[in-house]
C-alpha cells in the first residue's frame, strides 16, 4: 500500500509538477541528479575547469589525476 504522504509531495525543482520519487526530486530530475547534471552534484567533482567527473584523489578525477602523475614523473 503506497504511503499517502509521499503521493502528495512534489519535485523540488521550481515549476516542476511531477510527483516525488527520491531525494526531493521527481523521476526525471532524480536521474539527472544521479548523473551529476543538476547544479548540486551528489559527490565531490574534479577541480579541473569544466570537468564534472567524480573526484578520486587530490580533488581530481581519475583522468586528470593520471595526467598529473605522468607530468610529475616527466619533470623528475
N, C-alpha and C. Protein backbone atom coordinates (compact mmCIF):
# COMPACT_ATOMS: atom_id res chain seq x y z
N UNK A 1 0.85 -1.18 0.00
CA UNK A 1 0.00 0.00 0.00
C UNK A 1 0.90 1.25 0.00
N UNK A 2 0.75 2.14 -0.99
CA UNK A 2 1.59 3.34 -1.07
C UNK A 2 1.34 4.30 0.09
N UNK A 3 2.37 5.01 0.43
CA UNK A 3 2.30 5.98 1.51
C UNK A 3 1.59 7.24 0.99
N UNK A 4 0.54 7.66 1.64
CA UNK A 4 -0.24 8.83 1.22
C UNK A 4 0.62 10.09 1.24
N UNK A 5 1.50 10.23 2.22
CA UNK A 5 2.34 11.41 2.37
C UNK A 5 3.26 11.58 1.16
N UNK A 6 3.83 10.48 0.66
CA UNK A 6 4.75 10.53 -0.47
C UNK A 6 4.00 10.96 -1.74
N UNK A 7 2.77 10.51 -1.93
CA UNK A 7 1.98 10.89 -3.10
C UNK A 7 1.76 12.40 -3.17
N UNK A 8 1.63 13.05 -2.04
CA UNK A 8 1.33 14.47 -2.00
C UNK A 8 2.57 15.33 -2.25
N UNK A 9 3.76 14.79 -2.10
CA UNK A 9 4.98 15.56 -2.30
C UNK A 9 5.22 15.80 -3.78
N UNK A 10 5.87 16.90 -4.08
CA UNK A 10 6.20 17.28 -5.45
C UNK A 10 7.71 17.47 -5.57
N UNK A 11 8.19 17.47 -6.78
CA UNK A 11 9.59 17.68 -7.08
C UNK A 11 10.03 19.06 -6.58
N UNK A 12 11.27 19.16 -6.09
CA UNK A 12 11.76 20.42 -5.53
C UNK A 12 12.22 21.41 -6.60
N UNK A 13 12.32 21.00 -7.86
CA UNK A 13 12.71 21.89 -8.94
C UNK A 13 11.57 22.86 -9.22
N UNK A 14 11.88 24.13 -9.22
CA UNK A 14 10.86 25.17 -9.40
C UNK A 14 10.12 24.97 -10.73
N UNK A 15 8.80 24.96 -10.65
CA UNK A 15 7.95 24.83 -11.83
C UNK A 15 7.65 23.39 -12.22
N UNK A 16 8.29 22.43 -11.60
CA UNK A 16 8.05 21.02 -11.92
C UNK A 16 6.87 20.51 -11.10
N UNK A 17 5.91 19.92 -11.76
CA UNK A 17 4.69 19.43 -11.09
C UNK A 17 4.66 17.91 -10.97
N UNK A 18 5.75 17.26 -11.37
CA UNK A 18 5.78 15.80 -11.31
C UNK A 18 5.80 15.32 -9.86
N UNK A 19 5.32 14.09 -9.63
CA UNK A 19 5.32 13.55 -8.26
C UNK A 19 6.71 13.20 -7.78
N UNK A 20 6.85 13.20 -6.49
CA UNK A 20 8.10 12.89 -5.80
C UNK A 20 8.56 11.47 -6.09
N UNK A 21 9.89 11.30 -6.23
CA UNK A 21 10.49 9.97 -6.38
C UNK A 21 11.47 9.70 -5.26
N UNK A 22 12.54 10.53 -5.19
CA UNK A 22 13.56 10.33 -4.15
C UNK A 22 14.41 11.58 -4.05
N UNK A 23 15.01 11.79 -2.87
CA UNK A 23 15.92 12.92 -2.62
C UNK A 23 15.28 14.27 -2.94
N UNK A 24 13.96 14.33 -2.93
CA UNK A 24 13.26 15.58 -3.19
C UNK A 24 12.99 15.85 -4.65
N UNK A 25 13.30 14.91 -5.52
CA UNK A 25 13.14 15.10 -6.97
C UNK A 25 12.13 14.12 -7.54
N UNK A 26 11.59 14.48 -8.71
CA UNK A 26 10.76 13.57 -9.48
C UNK A 26 11.68 12.59 -10.19
N UNK A 27 11.12 11.64 -10.91
CA UNK A 27 11.93 10.63 -11.58
C UNK A 27 12.90 11.25 -12.59
N UNK A 28 12.46 12.21 -13.37
CA UNK A 28 13.31 12.86 -14.39
C UNK A 28 14.48 13.60 -13.74
N UNK A 29 14.19 14.43 -12.75
CA UNK A 29 15.23 15.22 -12.10
C UNK A 29 16.13 14.35 -11.20
N UNK A 30 15.56 13.30 -10.64
CA UNK A 30 16.37 12.38 -9.84
C UNK A 30 17.44 11.72 -10.71
N UNK A 31 17.07 11.30 -11.92
CA UNK A 31 18.05 10.69 -12.84
C UNK A 31 19.13 11.71 -13.22
N UNK A 32 18.72 12.95 -13.45
CA UNK A 32 19.70 13.99 -13.77
C UNK A 32 20.63 14.23 -12.59
N UNK A 33 20.08 14.24 -11.38
CA UNK A 33 20.90 14.43 -10.18
C UNK A 33 21.91 13.30 -10.04
N UNK A 34 21.49 12.07 -10.28
CA UNK A 34 22.40 10.92 -10.18
C UNK A 34 23.53 10.99 -11.20
N UNK A 35 23.25 11.56 -12.38
CA UNK A 35 24.28 11.69 -13.41
C UNK A 35 25.14 12.93 -13.19
N UNK A 36 24.79 13.75 -12.19
CA UNK A 36 25.55 14.95 -11.91
C UNK A 36 25.22 16.11 -12.83
N UNK A 37 24.05 16.09 -13.45
CA UNK A 37 23.67 17.13 -14.40
C UNK A 37 22.96 18.31 -13.76
N UNK A 38 22.57 18.20 -12.52
CA UNK A 38 21.94 19.33 -11.83
C UNK A 38 23.03 20.15 -11.15
N UNK A 39 22.70 21.35 -10.75
CA UNK A 39 23.68 22.25 -10.16
C UNK A 39 24.44 21.67 -8.98
N UNK A 40 23.76 20.95 -8.12
CA UNK A 40 24.41 20.38 -6.94
C UNK A 40 24.73 18.91 -7.20
N UNK A 41 26.00 18.60 -7.26
CA UNK A 41 26.43 17.22 -7.50
C UNK A 41 26.24 16.37 -6.26
N UNK A 42 26.10 15.08 -6.45
CA UNK A 42 25.91 14.18 -5.31
C UNK A 42 27.23 13.74 -4.72
N UNK A 43 28.32 14.10 -5.33
CA UNK A 43 29.66 13.77 -4.86
C UNK A 43 30.60 14.91 -5.20
N UNK A 44 31.79 14.90 -4.65
CA UNK A 44 32.76 15.95 -4.96
C UNK A 44 33.23 15.76 -6.39
N UNK A 45 33.29 16.87 -7.13
CA UNK A 45 33.67 16.80 -8.53
C UNK A 45 35.11 17.26 -8.73
N UNK A 46 35.65 16.92 -9.87
CA UNK A 46 37.02 17.26 -10.25
C UNK A 46 37.21 18.78 -10.22
N UNK A 47 38.37 19.21 -9.78
CA UNK A 47 38.65 20.64 -9.66
C UNK A 47 39.13 21.26 -10.98
N UNK A 48 39.36 20.46 -12.01
CA UNK A 48 39.75 20.99 -13.31
C UNK A 48 38.57 21.74 -13.94
N UNK A 49 38.88 22.81 -14.63
CA UNK A 49 37.86 23.65 -15.28
C UNK A 49 37.00 22.83 -16.23
N UNK A 50 35.69 22.88 -16.05
CA UNK A 50 34.75 22.23 -16.96
C UNK A 50 34.56 20.74 -16.76
N UNK A 51 35.27 20.12 -15.85
CA UNK A 51 35.15 18.67 -15.62
C UNK A 51 34.17 18.43 -14.48
N UNK A 52 33.18 17.59 -14.72
CA UNK A 52 32.18 17.28 -13.70
C UNK A 52 32.27 15.85 -13.22
N UNK A 53 33.37 15.17 -13.51
CA UNK A 53 33.56 13.78 -13.09
C UNK A 53 33.82 13.70 -11.59
N UNK A 54 33.59 12.54 -11.03
CA UNK A 54 33.79 12.32 -9.60
C UNK A 54 35.27 12.43 -9.24
N UNK A 55 35.57 13.20 -8.22
CA UNK A 55 36.95 13.35 -7.75
C UNK A 55 37.37 12.10 -6.99
N UNK A 56 38.59 11.62 -7.28
CA UNK A 56 39.09 10.42 -6.59
C UNK A 56 40.30 10.71 -5.71
N UNK A 57 41.24 11.55 -6.18
CA UNK A 57 42.43 11.90 -5.41
C UNK A 57 42.83 13.33 -5.69
N UNK A 58 43.32 14.00 -4.67
CA UNK A 58 43.82 15.38 -4.77
C UNK A 58 42.79 16.31 -5.41
N UNK A 59 41.52 16.01 -5.29
CA UNK A 59 40.48 16.84 -5.88
C UNK A 59 40.36 16.69 -7.37
N UNK A 60 40.94 15.63 -7.93
CA UNK A 60 40.91 15.40 -9.38
C UNK A 60 40.20 14.09 -9.69
N UNK A 61 39.63 14.01 -10.90
CA UNK A 61 39.04 12.76 -11.37
C UNK A 61 40.17 11.82 -11.77
N UNK A 62 39.83 10.59 -12.07
CA UNK A 62 40.84 9.59 -12.42
C UNK A 62 41.70 10.03 -13.62
N UNK A 63 41.04 10.56 -14.64
CA UNK A 63 41.75 11.00 -15.86
C UNK A 63 42.76 12.11 -15.57
N UNK A 64 42.33 13.16 -14.86
CA UNK A 64 43.22 14.28 -14.57
C UNK A 64 44.30 13.90 -13.55
N UNK A 65 43.96 13.00 -12.65
CA UNK A 65 44.95 12.52 -11.67
C UNK A 65 46.08 11.78 -12.38
N UNK A 66 45.74 10.89 -13.31
CA UNK A 66 46.76 10.14 -14.06
C UNK A 66 47.61 11.08 -14.90
N UNK A 67 46.97 12.08 -15.52
CA UNK A 67 47.71 13.05 -16.33
C UNK A 67 48.70 13.83 -15.46
N UNK A 68 48.28 14.19 -14.26
CA UNK A 68 49.17 14.93 -13.35
C UNK A 68 50.35 14.05 -12.91
N UNK A 69 50.09 12.77 -12.66
CA UNK A 69 51.16 11.85 -12.29
C UNK A 69 52.19 11.73 -13.42
N UNK A 70 51.72 11.60 -14.65
CA UNK A 70 52.63 11.50 -15.80
C UNK A 70 53.47 12.74 -15.92
N UNK A 71 52.84 13.90 -15.75
CA UNK A 71 53.53 15.19 -15.85
C UNK A 71 54.61 15.29 -14.77
N UNK A 72 54.30 14.87 -13.56
CA UNK A 72 55.25 14.91 -12.45
C UNK A 72 56.41 13.94 -12.66
N UNK A 73 56.14 12.78 -13.24
CA UNK A 73 57.20 11.80 -13.49
C UNK A 73 58.17 12.31 -14.56
N UNK A 74 57.62 12.98 -15.60
CA UNK A 74 58.46 13.52 -16.66
C UNK A 74 59.33 14.67 -16.15
N UNK A 75 58.81 15.44 -15.21
CA UNK A 75 59.54 16.58 -14.65
C UNK A 75 60.68 16.12 -13.72
N UNK A 76 60.58 14.92 -13.19
CA UNK A 76 61.60 14.43 -12.24
C UNK A 76 62.87 14.00 -12.91
